[in-house]
Amino acid sequence: MESLGQYLKRERELRDISLKTVEETTKVPIKFLMALERNDYDVLPGRAFIIGFLRSYAKAVSIDSDEVVNRYLDYSSAKKEEITSIERKIEEKESKKKLNVNLILGIFVGFSLLVILGVAFYFSYK
């Protein structure tokens, strides 16, 4: 499936509009326009700005701005779910590590207590 950035670039190129022209029309810096076309949202200043940039870009190349924003919101929502899933897996692994450490520590402490009690019992009846 075509990404949002690919869609934007394709539509711009179909209309034979340069990024420089989009920059002049929208007043959005070209580095941000390039980031939109690469789906590189991490370099952009924030969600509200991204939505504004997308609306401006869409109007500059005469495509439906609501569709563009909705595609971004769908992507953003899916990305958030993916990140949440990854974070959950990391938390589960850390929890298992803690359980293993606690189990080993518990066995060690229990064994140590048995040895101490055994030695104490041995010397108390000698």
N, C-alpha and C. Protein backbone atom coordinates (compact mmCIF):
# COMPACT_ATOMS: atom_id res chain seq x y z
N MET A 1 0.85 -1.19 0.00
CA MET A 1 0.00 0.00 0.00
C MET A 1 0.89 1.25 0.00
N GLU A 2 0.46 2.23 -0.70
CA GLU A 2 1.20 3.49 -0.82
C GLU A 2 1.12 4.29 0.48
N SER A 3 2.26 4.74 0.95
CA SER A 3 2.29 5.54 2.17
C SER A 3 1.77 6.95 1.88
N LEU A 4 1.49 7.68 2.94
CA LEU A 4 1.01 9.05 2.79
C LEU A 4 2.06 9.90 2.08
N GLY A 5 3.31 9.77 2.48
CA GLY A 5 4.39 10.54 1.85
C GLY A 5 4.51 10.24 0.36
N GLN A 6 4.42 8.96 0.01
CA GLN A 6 4.47 8.58 -1.41
C GLN A 6 3.30 9.18 -2.18
N TYR A 7 2.14 9.16 -1.55
CA TYR A 7 0.94 9.73 -2.16
C TYR A 7 1.12 11.23 -2.41
N LEU A 8 1.61 11.93 -1.40
CA LEU A 8 1.81 13.38 -1.54
C LEU A 8 2.79 13.69 -2.68
N LYS A 9 3.90 12.97 -2.68
CA LYS A 9 4.92 13.20 -3.71
C LYS A 9 4.38 12.88 -5.10
N ARG A 10 3.67 11.76 -5.21
CA ARG A 10 3.10 11.37 -6.51
C ARG A 10 2.13 12.42 -7.02
N GLU A 11 1.25 12.88 -6.15
CA GLU A 11 0.25 13.88 -6.56
C GLU A 11 0.93 15.19 -6.95
N ARG A 12 1.95 15.58 -6.20
CA ARG A 12 2.69 16.81 -6.53
C ARG A 12 3.37 16.67 -7.89
N GLU A 13 4.02 15.56 -8.10
CA GLU A 13 4.74 15.35 -9.35
C GLU A 13 3.80 15.21 -10.54
N LEU A 14 2.62 14.59 -10.32
CA LEU A 14 1.62 14.49 -11.40
C LEU A 14 1.19 15.87 -11.88
N ARG A 15 1.18 16.82 -10.97
CA ARG A 15 0.77 18.19 -11.31
C ARG A 15 1.97 19.05 -11.73
N ASP A 16 3.13 18.42 -11.77
CA ASP A 16 4.37 19.10 -12.18
C ASP A 16 4.63 20.34 -11.31
N ILE A 17 4.52 20.13 -9.99
CA ILE A 17 4.76 21.21 -9.02
C ILE A 17 6.03 20.87 -8.26
N SER A 18 6.95 21.79 -8.20
CA SER A 18 8.21 21.55 -7.48
C SER A 18 8.00 21.76 -5.98
N LEU A 19 8.89 21.17 -5.20
CA LEU A 19 8.84 21.39 -3.75
C LEU A 19 9.08 22.86 -3.43
N LYS A 20 9.91 23.50 -4.21
CA LYS A 20 10.20 24.93 -4.01
C LYS A 20 8.90 25.75 -4.15
N THR A 21 8.09 25.38 -5.14
CA THR A 21 6.82 26.08 -5.34
C THR A 21 5.89 25.84 -4.15
N VAL A 22 5.86 24.60 -3.67
CA VAL A 22 5.02 24.29 -2.50
C VAL A 22 5.51 25.08 -1.29
N GLU A 23 6.82 25.18 -1.14
CA GLU A 23 7.38 25.96 -0.03
C GLU A 23 6.96 27.42 -0.13
N GLU A 24 7.05 27.99 -1.32
CA GLU A 24 6.67 29.40 -1.50
C GLU A 24 5.19 29.62 -1.27
N THR A 25 4.37 28.65 -1.68
CA THR A 25 2.92 28.78 -1.52
C THR A 25 2.49 28.62 -0.06
N THR A 26 3.08 27.63 0.60
CA THR A 26 2.64 27.30 1.96
C THR A 26 3.40 28.01 3.06
N LYS A 27 4.60 28.50 2.73
CA LYS A 27 5.52 29.09 3.72
C LYS A 27 6.04 28.04 4.70
N VAL A 28 5.89 26.77 4.36
CA VAL A 28 6.43 25.68 5.16
C VAL A 28 7.85 25.42 4.66
N PRO A 29 8.85 25.40 5.54
CA PRO A 29 10.22 25.17 5.10
C PRO A 29 10.36 23.86 4.30
N ILE A 30 11.18 23.91 3.29
CA ILE A 30 11.33 22.75 2.38
C ILE A 30 11.78 21.50 3.12
N LYS A 31 12.58 21.66 4.18
CA LYS A 31 13.03 20.48 4.93
C LYS A 31 11.85 19.75 5.57
N PHE A 32 10.81 20.50 5.96
CA PHE A 32 9.62 19.87 6.53
C PHE A 32 8.78 19.23 5.43
N LEU A 33 8.71 19.86 4.28
CA LEU A 33 7.97 19.27 3.15
C LEU A 33 8.62 17.96 2.72
N MET A 34 9.94 17.96 2.69
CA MET A 34 10.66 16.73 2.34
C MET A 34 10.41 15.65 3.39
N ALA A 35 10.36 16.05 4.64
CA ALA A 35 10.09 15.09 5.72
C ALA A 35 8.69 14.49 5.56
N LEU A 36 7.71 15.30 5.17
CA LEU A 36 6.36 14.80 4.94
C LEU A 36 6.37 13.75 3.83
N GLU A 37 7.11 14.02 2.77
CA GLU A 37 7.16 13.08 1.65
C GLU A 37 7.92 11.80 2.00
N ARG A 38 8.76 11.86 3.01
CA ARG A 38 9.51 10.68 3.46
C ARG A 38 8.82 9.97 4.63
N ASN A 39 7.70 10.50 5.07
CA ASN A 39 7.01 9.98 6.26
C ASN A 39 7.91 10.05 7.49
N ASP A 40 8.75 11.05 7.54
CA ASP A 40 9.70 11.22 8.64
C ASP A 40 9.14 12.26 9.61
N TYR A 41 8.12 11.85 10.35
CA TYR A 41 7.39 12.77 11.21
C TYR A 41 8.18 13.15 12.47
N ASP A 42 9.21 12.39 12.79
CA ASP A 42 9.99 12.66 14.00
C ASP A 42 10.76 13.98 13.91
N VAL A 43 11.09 14.43 12.71
CA VAL A 43 11.85 15.69 12.57
C VAL A 43 10.92 16.91 12.57
N LEU A 44 9.63 16.67 12.53
CA LEU A 44 8.66 17.76 12.50
C LEU A 44 8.34 18.22 13.92
N PRO A 45 7.91 19.48 14.07
CA PRO A 45 7.78 20.06 15.41
C PRO A 45 6.67 19.50 16.30
N GLY A 46 5.69 18.83 15.79
CA GLY A 46 4.63 18.30 16.64
C GLY A 46 3.39 18.01 15.84
N ARG A 47 2.48 17.27 16.45
CA ARG A 47 1.27 16.80 15.77
C ARG A 47 0.43 17.94 15.18
N ALA A 48 0.22 18.99 15.94
CA ALA A 48 -0.60 20.11 15.44
C ALA A 48 0.06 20.75 14.22
N PHE A 49 1.39 20.89 14.27
CA PHE A 49 2.10 21.45 13.13
C PHE A 49 2.04 20.52 11.93
N ILE A 50 2.19 19.22 12.18
CA ILE A 50 2.14 18.25 11.09
C ILE A 50 0.80 18.35 10.38
N ILE A 51 -0.28 18.40 11.13
CA ILE A 51 -1.61 18.49 10.53
C ILE A 51 -1.74 19.78 9.73
N GLY A 52 -1.25 20.88 10.28
CA GLY A 52 -1.28 22.15 9.56
C GLY A 52 -0.45 22.10 8.28
N PHE A 53 0.74 21.51 8.36
CA PHE A 53 1.60 21.38 7.19
C PHE A 53 0.93 20.53 6.12
N LEU A 54 0.29 19.43 6.56
CA LEU A 54 -0.39 18.55 5.61
C LEU A 54 -1.55 19.27 4.91
N ARG A 55 -2.31 20.03 5.68
CA ARG A 55 -3.43 20.78 5.08
C ARG A 55 -2.91 21.79 4.05
N SER A 56 -1.87 22.50 4.41
CA SER A 56 -1.28 23.49 3.51
C SER A 56 -0.73 22.82 2.26
N TYR A 57 -0.03 21.73 2.44
CA TYR A 57 0.55 20.99 1.32
C TYR A 57 -0.56 20.53 0.38
N ALA A 58 -1.60 19.93 0.96
CA ALA A 58 -2.71 19.41 0.15
C ALA A 58 -3.37 20.53 -0.66
N LYS A 59 -3.60 21.66 -0.04
CA LYS A 59 -4.20 22.79 -0.77
C LYS A 59 -3.27 23.30 -1.86
N ALA A 60 -1.98 23.31 -1.60
CA ALA A 60 -1.02 23.80 -2.58
C ALA A 60 -0.96 22.93 -3.83
N VAL A 61 -1.24 21.63 -3.66
CA VAL A 61 -1.20 20.74 -4.82
C VAL A 61 -2.61 20.30 -5.26
N SER A 62 -3.62 20.95 -4.69
CA SER A 62 -5.03 20.72 -5.07
C SER A 62 -5.50 19.29 -4.86
N ILE A 63 -5.24 18.78 -3.65
CA ILE A 63 -5.82 17.49 -3.27
C ILE A 63 -6.64 17.69 -2.00
N ASP A 64 -7.47 16.72 -1.68
CA ASP A 64 -8.39 16.83 -0.55
C ASP A 64 -7.62 16.82 0.77
N SER A 65 -7.63 17.95 1.45
CA SER A 65 -6.87 18.07 2.70
C SER A 65 -7.44 17.21 3.82
N ASP A 66 -8.77 17.02 3.85
CA ASP A 66 -9.35 16.16 4.88
C ASP A 66 -8.89 14.72 4.71
N GLU A 67 -8.83 14.26 3.47
CA GLU A 67 -8.37 12.89 3.21
C GLU A 67 -6.91 12.73 3.65
N VAL A 68 -6.10 13.72 3.34
CA VAL A 68 -4.68 13.68 3.71
C VAL A 68 -4.54 13.64 5.23
N VAL A 69 -5.24 14.49 5.93
CA VAL A 69 -5.15 14.52 7.39
C VAL A 69 -5.67 13.22 7.99
N ASN A 70 -6.77 12.69 7.45
CA ASN A 70 -7.31 11.43 7.96
C ASN A 70 -6.32 10.28 7.75
N ARG A 71 -5.64 10.28 6.62
CA ARG A 71 -4.63 9.25 6.38
C ARG A 71 -3.49 9.37 7.39
N TYR A 72 -3.10 10.59 7.69
CA TYR A 72 -2.05 10.80 8.71
C TYR A 72 -2.55 10.32 10.07
N LEU A 73 -3.77 10.68 10.44
CA LEU A 73 -4.30 10.28 11.75
C LEU A 73 -4.41 8.77 11.86
N ASP A 74 -4.79 8.10 10.78
CA ASP A 74 -4.83 6.63 10.78
C ASP A 74 -3.43 6.07 11.00
N TYR A 75 -2.46 6.62 10.27
CA TYR A 75 -1.07 6.19 10.41
C TYR A 75 -0.59 6.44 11.84
N SER A 76 -0.86 7.62 12.35
CA SER A 76 -0.42 8.01 13.67
C SER A 76 -1.00 7.08 14.74
N SER A 77 -2.27 6.76 14.59
CA SER A 77 -2.94 5.87 15.53
C SER A 77 -2.34 4.47 15.47
N ALA A 78 -2.10 3.96 14.26
CA ALA A 78 -1.50 2.64 14.11
C ALA A 78 -0.10 2.62 14.69
N LYS A 79 0.66 3.70 14.47
CA LYS A 79 2.03 3.79 14.99
C LYS A 79 2.00 3.80 16.52
N LYS A 80 1.05 4.52 17.09
CA LYS A 80 0.94 4.59 18.55
C LYS A 80 0.63 3.21 19.13
N GLU A 81 -0.26 2.46 18.46
CA GLU A 81 -0.59 1.11 18.92
C GLU A 81 0.63 0.20 18.82
N GLU A 82 1.41 0.36 17.75
CA GLU A 82 2.62 -0.45 17.57
C GLU A 82 3.63 -0.14 18.68
N ILE A 83 3.81 1.12 18.98
CA ILE A 83 4.75 1.52 20.04
C ILE A 83 4.28 0.99 21.39
N THR A 84 2.98 1.08 21.65
CA THR A 84 2.42 0.57 22.90
C THR A 84 2.66 -0.93 23.02
N SER A 85 2.48 -1.64 21.93
CA SER A 85 2.70 -3.08 21.92
C SER A 85 4.17 -3.41 22.21
N ILE A 86 5.07 -2.67 21.61
CA ILE A 86 6.50 -2.89 21.84
C ILE A 86 6.85 -2.58 23.29
N GLU A 87 6.32 -1.48 23.81
CA GLU A 87 6.58 -1.11 25.21
C GLU A 87 6.06 -2.19 26.16
N ARG A 88 4.89 -2.75 25.83
CA ARG A 88 4.30 -3.81 26.66
C ARG A 88 5.22 -5.04 26.66
N LYS A 89 5.75 -5.41 25.50
CA LYS A 89 6.65 -6.56 25.41
C LYS A 89 7.92 -6.31 26.21
N ILE A 90 8.45 -5.10 26.15
CA ILE A 90 9.65 -4.76 26.91
C ILE A 90 9.37 -4.87 28.41
N GLU A 91 8.22 -4.35 28.84
CA GLU A 91 7.84 -4.42 30.25
C GLU A 91 7.71 -5.87 30.70
N GLU A 92 7.13 -6.74 29.84
CA GLU A 92 6.98 -8.15 30.19
C GLU A 92 8.35 -8.82 30.35
N LYS A 93 9.29 -8.51 29.44
CA LYS A 93 10.62 -9.08 29.55
C LYS A 93 11.32 -8.61 30.83
N GLU A 94 11.19 -7.32 31.14
CA GLU A 94 11.80 -6.79 32.36
C GLU A 94 11.18 -7.42 33.60
N SER A 95 9.88 -7.64 33.54
CA SER A 95 9.18 -8.27 34.66
C SER A 95 9.68 -9.71 34.86
N LYS A 96 9.88 -10.43 33.75
CA LYS A 96 10.39 -11.80 33.85
C LYS A 96 11.81 -11.81 34.38
N LYS A 97 12.63 -10.83 33.97
CA LYS A 97 14.00 -10.74 34.49
C LYS A 97 13.97 -10.52 35.99
N LYS A 98 13.09 -9.60 36.45
CA LYS A 98 12.99 -9.33 37.88
C LYS A 98 12.55 -10.58 38.63
N LEU A 99 11.60 -11.32 38.05
CA LEU A 99 11.11 -12.54 38.67
C LEU A 99 12.25 -13.55 38.79
N ASN A 100 13.04 -13.70 37.72
CA ASN A 100 14.16 -14.63 37.75
C ASN A 100 15.19 -14.22 38.80
N VAL A 101 15.52 -12.95 38.87
CA VAL A 101 16.48 -12.45 39.86
C VAL A 101 15.94 -12.69 41.26
N ASN A 102 14.67 -12.38 41.47
CA ASN A 102 14.06 -12.58 42.79
C ASN A 102 14.03 -14.06 43.16
N LEU A 103 13.77 -14.92 42.20
CA LEU A 103 13.73 -16.35 42.45
C LEU A 103 15.11 -16.86 42.85
N ILE A 104 16.12 -16.45 42.10
CA ILE A 104 17.49 -16.86 42.41
C ILE A 104 17.91 -16.33 43.78
N LEU A 105 17.58 -15.07 44.04
CA LEU A 105 17.91 -14.47 45.33
C LEU A 105 17.20 -15.21 46.46
N GLY A 106 15.94 -15.55 46.25
CA GLY A 106 15.17 -16.28 47.26
C GLY A 106 15.76 -17.65 47.53
N ILE A 107 16.16 -18.35 46.48
CA ILE A 107 16.77 -19.67 46.65
C ILE A 107 18.08 -19.53 47.43
N PHE A 108 18.88 -18.54 47.06
CA PHE A 108 20.16 -18.31 47.74
C PHE A 108 19.95 -18.01 49.22
N VAL A 109 19.03 -17.11 49.51
CA VAL A 109 18.77 -16.74 50.91
C VAL A 109 18.23 -17.95 51.67
N GLY A 110 17.32 -18.68 51.07
CA GLY A 110 16.77 -19.87 51.72
C GLY A 110 17.83 -20.91 52.00
N PHE A 111 18.69 -21.16 51.02
CA PHE A 111 19.77 -22.12 51.20
C PHE A 111 20.73 -21.64 52.29
N SER A 112 21.05 -20.37 52.28
CA SER A 112 21.95 -19.81 53.30
C SER A 112 21.35 -19.98 54.69
N LEU A 113 20.06 -19.74 54.83
CA LEU A 113 19.41 -19.92 56.14
C LEU A 113 19.46 -21.37 56.58
N LEU A 114 19.27 -22.29 55.64
CA LEU A 114 19.34 -23.71 55.98
C LEU A 114 20.74 -24.08 56.47
N VAL A 115 21.76 -23.58 55.78
CA VAL A 115 23.13 -23.86 56.19
C VAL A 115 23.38 -23.29 57.59
N ILE A 116 22.97 -22.05 57.81
CA ILE A 116 23.18 -21.41 59.12
C ILE A 116 22.45 -22.18 60.22
N LEU A 117 21.19 -22.57 59.93
CA LEU A 117 20.43 -23.35 60.92
C LEU A 117 21.06 -24.71 61.16
N GLY A 118 21.54 -25.30 60.08
CA GLY A 118 22.19 -26.61 60.21
C GLY A 118 23.44 -26.53 61.05
N VAL A 119 24.26 -25.50 60.79
CA VAL A 119 25.49 -25.32 61.57
C VAL A 119 25.13 -25.01 63.03
N ALA A 120 24.16 -24.18 63.25
CA ALA A 120 23.74 -23.84 64.62
C ALA A 120 23.21 -25.08 65.32
N PHE A 121 22.41 -25.87 64.64
CA PHE A 121 21.86 -27.10 65.24
C PHE A 121 22.99 -28.08 65.55
N TYR A 122 23.95 -28.20 64.65
CA TYR A 122 25.08 -29.11 64.84
C TYR A 122 25.86 -28.74 66.10
N PHE A 123 26.16 -27.41 66.22
CA PHE A 123 26.97 -26.99 67.35
C PHE A 123 26.18 -26.94 68.67
N SER A 124 24.88 -26.84 68.60
CA SER A 124 24.09 -26.78 69.82
C SER A 124 23.99 -28.16 70.48
N TYR A 125 24.12 -29.23 69.70
CA TYR A 125 24.05 -30.58 70.27
C TYR A 125 25.41 -31.25 70.42
N LYS A 126 26.45 -30.55 70.23
CA LYS A 126 27.80 -31.09 70.36
C LYS A 126 28.35 -30.92 71.70
